[in-house]
Amino acid sequence: MVGDPQQIRALAARLRADADRLRLLAGRVGRTRDVAWRSRAATLFRERVGERAHALQRSARTLDEAAQRVDAHADGVEVARAQVVRVAGLGADLARAAGDAVSRTVDRR
């Protein structure tokens, strides 16, 4: 991904927000394990709910990790942009120096 580092960071922020929503959802789902009924079906329900809540937590961690990687990419894009600007400046300086040298050579004739 290339582009504007601020837009890339905005994507990372959205990923973090999605992770937060998943954590909230996992908490809600997890609380449904507190059902009062007792039976084999209730036990299976609690197990499945626990599995789903755990999967949501895992997905939230995955989104957090993705957000960290996207932020790191934004850092890389900023560094690359700074290097391109620096090299472009060096190229402009070199072109100016070459032009000056040619002008001096022509003026001496």
PDB file of N, CA and C in Angstrom:
ATOM      1  N   MET A   1       0.845  -1.174   0.000  1.00  0.00           N
ATOM      2  CA  MET A   1       0.000   0.000   0.000  1.00  0.00           C
ATOM      3  C   MET A   1       0.887   1.233   0.000  1.00  0.00           C
ATOM      4  N   VAL A   2       0.600   2.121  -0.892  1.00  0.00           N
ATOM      5  CA  VAL A   2       1.279   3.413  -0.928  1.00  0.00           C
ATOM      6  C   VAL A   2       0.230   4.484  -0.741  1.00  0.00           C
ATOM      7  N   GLY A   3       0.658   5.700  -0.653  1.00  0.00           N
ATOM      8  CA  GLY A   3      -0.307   6.778  -0.546  1.00  0.00           C
ATOM      9  C   GLY A   3      -0.016   7.704   0.610  1.00  0.00           C
ATOM     10  N   ASP A   4      -1.054   8.347   1.045  1.00  0.00           N
ATOM     11  CA  ASP A   4      -0.986   9.340   2.101  1.00  0.00           C
ATOM     12  C   ASP A   4      -0.877   8.650   3.462  1.00  0.00           C
ATOM     13  N   PRO A   5       0.198   8.918   4.192  1.00  0.00           N
ATOM     14  CA  PRO A   5       0.356   8.281   5.508  1.00  0.00           C
ATOM     15  C   PRO A   5      -0.821   8.551   6.448  1.00  0.00           C
ATOM     16  N   GLN A   6      -1.449   9.723   6.334  1.00  0.00           N
ATOM     17  CA  GLN A   6      -2.597  10.024   7.202  1.00  0.00           C
ATOM     18  C   GLN A   6      -3.785   9.116   6.872  1.00  0.00           C
ATOM     19  N   GLN A   7      -4.001   8.851   5.597  1.00  0.00           N
ATOM     20  CA  GLN A   7      -5.084   7.936   5.216  1.00  0.00           C
ATOM     21  C   GLN A   7      -4.773   6.513   5.683  1.00  0.00           C
ATOM     22  N   ILE A   8      -3.511   6.145   5.603  1.00  0.00           N
ATOM     23  CA  ILE A   8      -3.107   4.813   6.060  1.00  0.00           C
ATOM     24  C   ILE A   8      -3.329   4.706   7.568  1.00  0.00           C
ATOM     25  N   ARG A   9      -2.975   5.753   8.302  1.00  0.00           N
ATOM     26  CA  ARG A   9      -3.203   5.756   9.758  1.00  0.00           C
ATOM     27  C   ARG A   9      -4.702   5.746  10.085  1.00  0.00           C
ATOM     28  N   ALA A  10      -5.508   6.378   9.254  1.00  0.00           N
ATOM     29  CA  ALA A  10      -6.961   6.345   9.460  1.00  0.00           C
ATOM     30  C   ALA A  10      -7.490   4.912   9.331  1.00  0.00           C
ATOM     31  N   LEU A  11      -6.925   4.157   8.397  1.00  0.00           N
ATOM     32  CA  LEU A  11      -7.296   2.750   8.264  1.00  0.00           C
ATOM     33  C   LEU A  11      -6.926   1.993   9.536  1.00  0.00           C
ATOM     34  N   ALA A  12      -5.745   2.251  10.062  1.00  0.00           N
ATOM     35  CA  ALA A  12      -5.324   1.594  11.306  1.00  0.00           C
ATOM     36  C   ALA A  12      -6.287   1.938  12.446  1.00  0.00           C
ATOM     37  N   ALA A  13      -6.728   3.176  12.494  1.00  0.00           N
ATOM     38  CA  ALA A  13      -7.675   3.592  13.539  1.00  0.00           C
ATOM     39  C   ALA A  13      -9.005   2.853  13.389  1.00  0.00           C
ATOM     40  N   ARG A  14      -9.447   2.674  12.144  1.00  0.00           N
ATOM     41  CA  ARG A  14     -10.699   1.927  11.923  1.00  0.00           C
ATOM     42  C   ARG A  14     -10.546   0.475  12.353  1.00  0.00           C
ATOM     43  N   LEU A  15      -9.382  -0.108  12.079  1.00  0.00           N
ATOM     44  CA  LEU A  15      -9.143  -1.490  12.507  1.00  0.00           C
ATOM     45  C   LEU A  15      -9.192  -1.595  14.034  1.00  0.00           C
ATOM     46  N   ARG A  16      -8.585  -0.618  14.725  1.00  0.00           N
ATOM     47  CA  ARG A  16      -8.622  -0.622  16.192  1.00  0.00           C
ATOM     48  C   ARG A  16     -10.049  -0.461  16.717  1.00  0.00           C
ATOM     49  N   ALA A  17     -10.818   0.411  16.068  1.00  0.00           N
ATOM     50  CA  ALA A  17     -12.217   0.603  16.482  1.00  0.00           C
ATOM     51  C   ALA A  17     -13.017  -0.681  16.279  1.00  0.00           C
ATOM     52  N   ASP A  18     -12.773  -1.357  15.170  1.00  0.00           N
ATOM     53  CA  ASP A  18     -13.454  -2.636  14.931  1.00  0.00           C
ATOM     54  C   ASP A  18     -13.051  -3.667  15.989  1.00  0.00           C
ATOM     55  N   ALA A  19     -11.791  -3.667  16.352  1.00  0.00           N
ATOM     56  CA  ALA A  19     -11.328  -4.591  17.401  1.00  0.00           C
ATOM     57  C   ALA A  19     -12.032  -4.287  18.721  1.00  0.00           C
ATOM     58  N   ASP A  20     -12.182  -3.020  19.042  1.00  0.00           N
ATOM     59  CA  ASP A  20     -12.889  -2.643  20.274  1.00  0.00           C
ATOM     60  C   ASP A  20     -14.333  -3.116  20.242  1.00  0.00           C
ATOM     61  N   ARG A  21     -14.992  -2.962  19.083  1.00  0.00           N
ATOM     62  CA  ARG A  21     -16.383  -3.425  18.970  1.00  0.00           C
ATOM     63  C   ARG A  21     -16.469  -4.935  19.139  1.00  0.00           C
ATOM     64  N   LEU A  22     -15.504  -5.657  18.580  1.00  0.00           N
ATOM     65  CA  LEU A  22     -15.501  -7.111  18.748  1.00  0.00           C
ATOM     66  C   LEU A  22     -15.324  -7.503  20.215  1.00  0.00           C
ATOM     67  N   ARG A  23     -14.459  -6.781  20.928  1.00  0.00           N
ATOM     68  CA  ARG A  23     -14.271  -7.074  22.352  1.00  0.00           C
ATOM     69  C   ARG A  23     -15.573  -6.844  23.139  1.00  0.00           C
ATOM     70  N   LEU A  24     -16.271  -5.756  22.805  1.00  0.00           N
ATOM     71  CA  LEU A  24     -17.564  -5.507  23.461  1.00  0.00           C
ATOM     72  C   LEU A  24     -18.562  -6.623  23.154  1.00  0.00           C
ATOM     73  N   LEU A  25     -18.601  -7.023  21.893  1.00  0.00           N
ATOM     74  CA  LEU A  25     -19.496  -8.100  21.496  1.00  0.00           C
ATOM     75  C   LEU A  25     -19.121  -9.404  22.198  1.00  0.00           C
ATOM     76  N   ALA A  26     -17.848  -9.674  22.289  1.00  0.00           N
ATOM     77  CA  ALA A  26     -17.399 -10.886  22.978  1.00  0.00           C
ATOM     78  C   ALA A  26     -17.862 -10.880  24.433  1.00  0.00           C
ATOM     79  N   GLY A  27     -17.803  -9.717  25.060  1.00  0.00           N
ATOM     80  CA  GLY A  27     -18.281  -9.612  26.440  1.00  0.00           C
ATOM     81  C   GLY A  27     -19.768  -9.883  26.548  1.00  0.00           C
ATOM     82  N   ARG A  28     -20.529  -9.336  25.623  1.00  0.00           N
ATOM     83  CA  ARG A  28     -21.983  -9.577  25.634  1.00  0.00           C
ATOM     84  C   ARG A  28     -22.290 -11.049  25.407  1.00  0.00           C
ATOM     85  N   VAL A  29     -21.633 -11.619  24.402  1.00  0.00           N
ATOM     86  CA  VAL A  29     -21.849 -13.039  24.107  1.00  0.00           C
ATOM     87  C   VAL A  29     -21.450 -13.874  25.315  1.00  0.00           C
ATOM     88  N   GLY A  30     -20.311 -13.552  25.905  1.00  0.00           N
ATOM     89  CA  GLY A  30     -19.830 -14.315  27.066  1.00  0.00           C
ATOM     90  C   GLY A  30     -20.796 -14.269  28.240  1.00  0.00           C
ATOM     91  N   ARG A  31     -21.469 -13.133  28.422  1.00  0.00           N
ATOM     92  CA  ARG A  31     -22.405 -13.018  29.546  1.00  0.00           C
ATOM     93  C   ARG A  31     -23.630 -13.912  29.374  1.00  0.00           C
ATOM     94  N   THR A  32     -23.909 -14.329  28.152  1.00  0.00           N
ATOM     95  CA  THR A  32     -25.062 -15.222  27.965  1.00  0.00           C
ATOM     96  C   THR A  32     -24.795 -16.612  28.536  1.00  0.00           C
ATOM     97  N   ARG A  33     -23.559 -16.888  28.913  1.00  0.00           N
ATOM     98  CA  ARG A  33     -23.259 -18.172  29.560  1.00  0.00           C
ATOM     99  C   ARG A  33     -23.871 -18.255  30.949  1.00  0.00           C
ATOM    100  N   ASP A  34     -24.293 -17.114  31.468  1.00  0.00           N
ATOM    101  CA  ASP A  34     -24.827 -17.067  32.825  1.00  0.00           C
ATOM    102  C   ASP A  34     -26.294 -17.464  32.882  1.00  0.00           C
ATOM    103  N   VAL A  35     -26.744 -18.255  31.941  1.00  0.00           N
ATOM    104  CA  VAL A  35     -28.143 -18.693  31.949  1.00  0.00           C
ATOM    105  C   VAL A  35     -28.414 -19.526  33.192  1.00  0.00           C
ATOM    106  N   ALA A  36     -29.637 -19.436  33.679  1.00  0.00           N
ATOM    107  CA  ALA A  36     -29.990 -20.108  34.927  1.00  0.00           C
ATOM    108  C   ALA A  36     -30.378 -21.570  34.727  1.00  0.00           C
ATOM    109  N   TRP A  37     -30.756 -21.932  33.534  1.00  0.00           N
ATOM    110  CA  TRP A  37     -31.269 -23.286  33.384  1.00  0.00           C
ATOM    111  C   TRP A  37     -30.148 -24.313  33.454  1.00  0.00           C
ATOM    112  N   ARG A  38     -30.525 -25.507  33.913  1.00  0.00           N
ATOM    113  CA  ARG A  38     -29.580 -26.611  34.070  1.00  0.00           C
ATOM    114  C   ARG A  38     -30.073 -27.813  33.265  1.00  0.00           C
ATOM    115  N   SER A  39     -29.276 -28.205  32.332  1.00  0.00           N
ATOM    116  CA  SER A  39     -29.574 -29.393  31.528  1.00  0.00           C
ATOM    117  C   SER A  39     -28.376 -29.655  30.639  1.00  0.00           C
ATOM    118  N   ARG A  40     -28.448 -30.745  29.932  1.00  0.00           N
ATOM    119  CA  ARG A  40     -27.380 -31.043  28.969  1.00  0.00           C
ATOM    120  C   ARG A  40     -27.343 -29.959  27.883  1.00  0.00           C
ATOM    121  N   ALA A  41     -28.488 -29.522  27.436  1.00  0.00           N
ATOM    122  CA  ALA A  41     -28.563 -28.470  26.424  1.00  0.00           C
ATOM    123  C   ALA A  41     -27.942 -27.171  26.953  1.00  0.00           C
ATOM    124  N   ALA A  42     -28.207 -26.846  28.206  1.00  0.00           N
ATOM    125  CA  ALA A  42     -27.636 -25.634  28.799  1.00  0.00           C
ATOM    126  C   ALA A  42     -26.117 -25.728  28.862  1.00  0.00           C
ATOM    127  N   THR A  43     -25.618 -26.895  29.211  1.00  0.00           N
ATOM    128  CA  THR A  43     -24.165 -27.099  29.268  1.00  0.00           C
ATOM    129  C   THR A  43     -23.550 -26.915  27.887  1.00  0.00           C
ATOM    130  N   LEU A  44     -24.166 -27.511  26.870  1.00  0.00           N
ATOM    131  CA  LEU A  44     -23.673 -27.362  25.496  1.00  0.00           C
ATOM    132  C   LEU A  44     -23.760 -25.900  25.043  1.00  0.00           C
ATOM    133  N   PHE A  45     -24.846 -25.234  25.412  1.00  0.00           N
ATOM    134  CA  PHE A  45     -25.004 -23.828  25.076  1.00  0.00           C
ATOM    135  C   PHE A  45     -23.865 -23.010  25.665  1.00  0.00           C
ATOM    136  N   ARG A  46     -23.566 -23.231  26.937  1.00  0.00           N
ATOM    137  CA  ARG A  46     -22.489 -22.490  27.598  1.00  0.00           C
ATOM    138  C   ARG A  46     -21.143 -22.741  26.912  1.00  0.00           C
ATOM    139  N   GLU A  47     -20.911 -23.991  26.538  1.00  0.00           N
ATOM    140  CA  GLU A  47     -19.655 -24.319  25.854  1.00  0.00           C
ATOM    141  C   GLU A  47     -19.554 -23.576  24.524  1.00  0.00           C
ATOM    142  N   ARG A  48     -20.633 -23.624  23.745  1.00  0.00           N
ATOM    143  CA  ARG A  48     -20.612 -22.964  22.429  1.00  0.00           C
ATOM    144  C   ARG A  48     -20.457 -21.452  22.575  1.00  0.00           C
ATOM    145  N   VAL A  49     -21.158 -20.894  23.528  1.00  0.00           N
ATOM    146  CA  VAL A  49     -21.059 -19.457  23.760  1.00  0.00           C
ATOM    147  C   VAL A  49     -19.625 -19.093  24.149  1.00  0.00           C
ATOM    148  N   GLY A  50     -19.026 -19.901  25.013  1.00  0.00           N
ATOM    149  CA  GLY A  50     -17.633 -19.659  25.405  1.00  0.00           C
ATOM    150  C   GLY A  50     -16.699 -19.715  24.208  1.00  0.00           C
ATOM    151  N   GLU A  51     -16.935 -20.683  23.337  1.00  0.00           N
ATOM    152  CA  GLU A  51     -16.107 -20.797  22.130  1.00  0.00           C
ATOM    153  C   GLU A  51     -16.262 -19.562  21.239  1.00  0.00           C
ATOM    154  N   ARG A  52     -17.499 -19.111  21.076  1.00  0.00           N
ATOM    155  CA  ARG A  52     -17.745 -17.934  20.231  1.00  0.00           C
ATOM    156  C   ARG A  52     -17.129 -16.685  20.831  1.00  0.00           C
ATOM    157  N   ALA A  53     -17.267 -16.525  22.130  1.00  0.00           N
ATOM    158  CA  ALA A  53     -16.681 -15.352  22.792  1.00  0.00           C
ATOM    159  C   ALA A  53     -15.160 -15.373  22.639  1.00  0.00           C
ATOM    160  N   HIS A  54     -14.572 -16.547  22.793  1.00  0.00           N
ATOM    161  CA  HIS A  54     -13.124 -16.676  22.637  1.00  0.00           C
ATOM    162  C   HIS A  54     -12.711 -16.351  21.195  1.00  0.00           C
ATOM    163  N   ALA A  55     -13.481 -16.828  20.218  1.00  0.00           N
ATOM    164  CA  ALA A  55     -13.163 -16.557  18.813  1.00  0.00           C
ATOM    165  C   ALA A  55     -13.253 -15.061  18.518  1.00  0.00           C
ATOM    166  N   LEU A  56     -14.232 -14.395  19.105  1.00  0.00           N
ATOM    167  CA  LEU A  56     -14.347 -12.946  18.907  1.00  0.00           C
ATOM    168  C   LEU A  56     -13.151 -12.216  19.515  1.00  0.00           C
ATOM    169  N   GLN A  57     -12.712 -12.647  20.684  1.00  0.00           N
ATOM    170  CA  GLN A  57     -11.524 -12.047  21.318  1.00  0.00           C
ATOM    171  C   GLN A  57     -10.290 -12.254  20.435  1.00  0.00           C
ATOM    172  N   ARG A  58     -10.175 -13.448  19.890  1.00  0.00           N
ATOM    173  CA  ARG A  58      -9.041 -13.755  19.010  1.00  0.00           C
ATOM    174  C   ARG A  58      -9.075 -12.861  17.763  1.00  0.00           C
ATOM    175  N   SER A  59     -10.254 -12.668  17.211  1.00  0.00           N
ATOM    176  CA  SER A  59     -10.397 -11.795  16.037  1.00  0.00           C
ATOM    177  C   SER A  59     -10.032 -10.358  16.390  1.00  0.00           C
ATOM    178  N   ALA A  60     -10.402  -9.921  17.574  1.00  0.00           N
ATOM    179  CA  ALA A  60     -10.049  -8.563  18.014  1.00  0.00           C
ATOM    180  C   ALA A  60      -8.536  -8.416  18.102  1.00  0.00           C
ATOM    181  N   ARG A  61      -7.856  -9.414  18.643  1.00  0.00           N
ATOM    182  CA  ARG A  61      -6.386  -9.355  18.715  1.00  0.00           C
ATOM    183  C   ARG A  61      -5.772  -9.318  17.315  1.00  0.00           C
ATOM    184  N   THR A  62      -6.354 -10.074  16.396  1.00  0.00           N
ATOM    185  CA  THR A  62      -5.856 -10.083  15.018  1.00  0.00           C
ATOM    186  C   THR A  62      -6.009  -8.699  14.388  1.00  0.00           C
ATOM    187  N   LEU A  63      -7.138  -8.039  14.630  1.00  0.00           N
ATOM    188  CA  LEU A  63      -7.329  -6.682  14.106  1.00  0.00           C
ATOM    189  C   LEU A  63      -6.344  -5.702  14.734  1.00  0.00           C
ATOM    190  N   ASP A  64      -6.081  -5.850  16.030  1.00  0.00           N
ATOM    191  CA  ASP A  64      -5.093  -4.985  16.688  1.00  0.00           C
ATOM    192  C   ASP A  64      -3.709  -5.165  16.060  1.00  0.00           C
ATOM    193  N   GLU A  65      -3.337  -6.414  15.792  1.00  0.00           N
ATOM    194  CA  GLU A  65      -2.044  -6.685  15.160  1.00  0.00           C
ATOM    195  C   GLU A  65      -1.998  -6.086  13.752  1.00  0.00           C
ATOM    196  N   ALA A  66      -3.098  -6.204  13.024  1.00  0.00           N
ATOM    197  CA  ALA A  66      -3.151  -5.620  11.679  1.00  0.00           C
ATOM    198  C   ALA A  66      -3.003  -4.104  11.760  1.00  0.00           C
ATOM    199  N   ALA A  67      -3.645  -3.492  12.735  1.00  0.00           N
ATOM    200  CA  ALA A  67      -3.541  -2.033  12.904  1.00  0.00           C
ATOM    201  C   ALA A  67      -2.098  -1.634  13.182  1.00  0.00           C
ATOM    202  N   GLN A  68      -1.402  -2.416  14.000  1.00  0.00           N
ATOM    203  CA  GLN A  68       0.010  -2.114  14.276  1.00  0.00           C
ATOM    204  C   GLN A  68       0.830  -2.197  12.999  1.00  0.00           C
ATOM    205  N   ARG A  69       0.561  -3.201  12.183  1.00  0.00           N
ATOM    206  CA  ARG A  69       1.306  -3.349  10.926  1.00  0.00           C
ATOM    207  C   ARG A  69       0.987  -2.214   9.950  1.00  0.00           C
ATOM    208  N   VAL A  70      -0.257  -1.811   9.905  1.00  0.00           N
ATOM    209  CA  VAL A  70      -0.642  -0.712   9.020  1.00  0.00           C
ATOM    210  C   VAL A  70       0.028   0.582   9.485  1.00  0.00           C
ATOM    211  N   ASP A  71       0.067   0.815  10.803  1.00  0.00           N
ATOM    212  CA  ASP A  71       0.776   1.991  11.321  1.00  0.00           C
ATOM    213  C   ASP A  71       2.262   1.938  10.960  1.00  0.00           C
ATOM    214  N   ALA A  72       2.872   0.770  11.079  1.00  0.00           N
ATOM    215  CA  ALA A  72       4.283   0.625  10.712  1.00  0.00           C
ATOM    216  C   ALA A  72       4.470   0.923   9.225  1.00  0.00           C
ATOM    217  N   HIS A  73       3.519   0.500   8.419  1.00  0.00           N
ATOM    218  CA  HIS A  73       3.607   0.793   6.986  1.00  0.00           C
ATOM    219  C   HIS A  73       3.522   2.303   6.750  1.00  0.00           C
ATOM    220  N   ALA A  74       2.652   2.971   7.473  1.00  0.00           N
ATOM    221  CA  ALA A  74       2.542   4.435   7.343  1.00  0.00           C
ATOM    222  C   ALA A  74       3.878   5.089   7.687  1.00  0.00           C
ATOM    223  N   ASP A  75       4.540   4.579   8.732  1.00  0.00           N
ATOM    224  CA  ASP A  75       5.870   5.098   9.082  1.00  0.00           C
ATOM    225  C   ASP A  75       6.832   4.909   7.917  1.00  0.00           C
ATOM    226  N   GLY A  76       6.788   3.726   7.305  1.00  0.00           N
ATOM    227  CA  GLY A  76       7.664   3.444   6.169  1.00  0.00           C
ATOM    228  C   GLY A  76       7.391   4.354   4.984  1.00  0.00           C
ATOM    229  N   VAL A  77       6.118   4.621   4.727  1.00  0.00           N
ATOM    230  CA  VAL A  77       5.759   5.523   3.629  1.00  0.00           C
ATOM    231  C   VAL A  77       6.293   6.925   3.914  1.00  0.00           C
ATOM    232  N   GLU A  78       6.181   7.372   5.157  1.00  0.00           N
ATOM    233  CA  GLU A  78       6.714   8.700   5.508  1.00  0.00           C
ATOM    234  C   GLU A  78       8.221   8.766   5.294  1.00  0.00           C
ATOM    235  N   VAL A  79       8.931   7.731   5.707  1.00  0.00           N
ATOM    236  CA  VAL A  79      10.390   7.694   5.525  1.00  0.00           C
ATOM    237  C   VAL A  79      10.725   7.691   4.040  1.00  0.00           C
ATOM    238  N   ALA A  80      10.016   6.875   3.266  1.00  0.00           N
ATOM    239  CA  ALA A  80      10.284   6.797   1.826  1.00  0.00           C
ATOM    240  C   ALA A  80      10.010   8.144   1.151  1.00  0.00           C
ATOM    241  N   ARG A  81       8.932   8.792   1.543  1.00  0.00           N
ATOM    242  CA  ARG A  81       8.630  10.112   0.972  1.00  0.00           C
ATOM    243  C   ARG A  81       9.751  11.110   1.279  1.00  0.00           C
ATOM    244  N   ALA A  82      10.220  11.111   2.509  1.00  0.00           N
ATOM    245  CA  ALA A  82      11.297  12.035   2.890  1.00  0.00           C
ATOM    246  C   ALA A  82      12.556  11.754   2.066  1.00  0.00           C
ATOM    247  N   GLN A  83      12.846  10.472   1.832  1.00  0.00           N
ATOM    248  CA  GLN A  83      14.028  10.128   1.044  1.00  0.00           C
ATOM    249  C   GLN A  83      13.861  10.555  -0.410  1.00  0.00           C
ATOM    250  N   VAL A  84      12.667  10.404  -0.959  1.00  0.00           N
ATOM    251  CA  VAL A  84      12.415  10.824  -2.347  1.00  0.00           C
ATOM    252  C   VAL A  84      12.601  12.331  -2.464  1.00  0.00           C
ATOM    253  N   VAL A  85      12.073  13.083  -1.496  1.00  0.00           N
ATOM    254  CA  VAL A  85      12.224  14.540  -1.521  1.00  0.00           C
ATOM    255  C   VAL A  85      13.699  14.910  -1.432  1.00  0.00           C
ATOM    256  N   ARG A  86      14.451  14.218  -0.569  1.00  0.00           N
ATOM    257  CA  ARG A  86      15.874  14.507  -0.428  1.00  0.00           C
ATOM    258  C   ARG A  86      16.624  14.203  -1.724  1.00  0.00           C
ATOM    259  N   VAL A  87      16.350  13.066  -2.335  1.00  0.00           N
ATOM    260  CA  VAL A  87      17.028  12.690  -3.581  1.00  0.00           C
ATOM    261  C   VAL A  87      16.637  13.650  -4.705  1.00  0.00           C
ATOM    262  N   ALA A  88      15.374  14.049  -4.740  1.00  0.00           N
ATOM    263  CA  ALA A  88      14.951  15.008  -5.767  1.00  0.00           C
ATOM    264  C   ALA A  88      15.696  16.324  -5.592  1.00  0.00           C
ATOM    265  N   GLY A  89      15.891  16.737  -4.347  1.00  0.00           N
ATOM    266  CA  GLY A  89      16.661  17.954  -4.082  1.00  0.00           C
ATOM    267  C   GLY A  89      18.099  17.812  -4.539  1.00  0.00           C
ATOM    268  N   LEU A  90      18.690  16.649  -4.294  1.00  0.00           N
ATOM    269  CA  LEU A  90      20.068  16.410  -4.757  1.00  0.00           C
ATOM    270  C   LEU A  90      20.126  16.450  -6.275  1.00  0.00           C
ATOM    271  N   GLY A  91      19.121  15.862  -6.928  1.00  0.00           N
ATOM    272  CA  GLY A  91      19.075  15.879  -8.395  1.00  0.00           C
ATOM    273  C   GLY A  91      18.963  17.298  -8.928  1.00  0.00           C
ATOM    274  N   ALA A  92      18.148  18.107  -8.290  1.00  0.00           N
ATOM    275  CA  ALA A  92      17.998  19.505  -8.713  1.00  0.00           C
ATOM    276  C   ALA A  92      19.311  20.255  -8.515  1.00  0.00           C
ATOM    277  N   ASP A  93      19.981  20.003  -7.386  1.00  0.00           N
ATOM    278  CA  ASP A  93      21.279  20.644  -7.137  1.00  0.00           C
ATOM    279  C   ASP A  93      22.293  20.223  -8.192  1.00  0.00           C
ATOM    280  N   LEU A  94      22.307  18.953  -8.537  1.00  0.00           N
ATOM    281  CA  LEU A  94      23.235  18.448  -9.544  1.00  0.00           C
ATOM    282  C   LEU A  94      22.947  19.073 -10.905  1.00  0.00           C
ATOM    283  N   ALA A  95      21.673  19.171 -11.269  1.00  0.00           N
ATOM    284  CA  ALA A  95      21.306  19.780 -12.555  1.00  0.00           C
ATOM    285  C   ALA A  95      21.718  21.250 -12.584  1.00  0.00           C
ATOM    286  N   ARG A  96      21.525  21.953 -11.477  1.00  0.00           N
ATOM    287  CA  ARG A  96      21.915  23.354 -11.391  1.00  0.00           C
ATOM    288  C   ARG A  96      23.432  23.484 -11.542  1.00  0.00           C
ATOM    289  N   ALA A  97      24.159  22.620 -10.846  1.00  0.00           N
ATOM    290  CA  ALA A  97      25.622  22.671 -10.918  1.00  0.00           C
ATOM    291  C   ALA A  97      26.101  22.354 -12.333  1.00  0.00           C
ATOM    292  N   ALA A  98      25.489  21.395 -12.978  1.00  0.00           N
ATOM    293  CA  ALA A  98      25.876  21.046 -14.354  1.00  0.00           C
ATOM    294  C   ALA A  98      25.566  22.210 -15.297  1.00  0.00           C
ATOM    295  N   GLY A  99      24.415  22.817 -15.112  1.00  0.00           N
ATOM    296  CA  GLY A  99      24.060  23.975 -15.937  1.00  0.00           C
ATOM    297  C   GLY A  99      25.032  25.120 -15.744  1.00  0.00           C
ATOM    298  N   ASP A 100      25.426  25.382 -14.494  1.00  0.00           N
ATOM    299  CA  ASP A 100      26.401  26.433 -14.215  1.00  0.00           C
ATOM    300  C   ASP A 100      27.735  26.122 -14.874  1.00  0.00           C
ATOM    301  N   ALA A 101      28.147  24.845 -14.795  1.00  0.00           N
ATOM    302  CA  ALA A 101      29.430  24.453 -15.399  1.00  0.00           C
ATOM    303  C   ALA A 101      29.393  24.638 -16.907  1.00  0.00           C
ATOM    304  N   VAL A 102      28.285  24.271 -17.528  1.00  0.00           N
ATOM    305  CA  VAL A 102      28.157  24.441 -18.978  1.00  0.00           C
ATOM    306  C   VAL A 102      28.178  25.924 -19.329  1.00  0.00           C
ATOM    307  N   SER A 103      27.471  26.726 -18.547  1.00  0.00           N
ATOM    308  CA  SER A 103      27.439  28.176 -18.799  1.00  0.00           C
ATOM    309  C   SER A 103      28.834  28.773 -18.699  1.00  0.00           C
ATOM    310  N   ARG A 104      29.600  28.373 -17.698  1.00  0.00           N
ATOM    311  CA  ARG A 104      30.954  28.898 -17.547  1.00  0.00           C
ATOM    312  C   ARG A 104      31.822  28.484 -18.715  1.00  0.00           C
ATOM    313  N   THR A 105      31.665  27.271 -19.174  1.00  0.00           N
ATOM    314  CA  THR A 105      32.464  26.773 -20.303  1.00  0.00           C
ATOM    315  C   THR A 105      32.118  27.539 -21.567  1.00  0.00           C
ATOM    316  N   VAL A 106      30.843  27.768 -21.794  1.00  0.00           N
ATOM    317  CA  VAL A 106      30.390  28.493 -22.985  1.00  0.00           C
ATOM    318  C   VAL A 106      30.858  29.950 -22.899  1.00  0.00           C
ATOM    319  N   ASP A 107      30.767  30.527 -21.710  1.00  0.00           N
ATOM    320  CA  ASP A 107      31.160  31.947 -21.540  1.00  0.00           C
ATOM    321  C   ASP A 107      32.662  32.121 -21.787  1.00  0.00           C
ATOM    322  N   ARG A 108      33.466  31.150 -21.546  1.00  0.00           N
ATOM    323  CA  ARG A 108      34.931  31.256 -21.730  1.00  0.00           C
ATOM    324  C   ARG A 108      35.289  31.247 -23.209  1.00  0.00           C
ATOM    325  N   ARG A 109      34.451  30.805 -24.058  1.00  0.00           N
ATOM    326  CA  ARG A 109      34.773  30.701 -25.489  1.00  0.00           C
ATOM    327  C   ARG A 109      34.613  31.976 -26.156  1.00  0.00           C
TER     328      ARG A 109
END
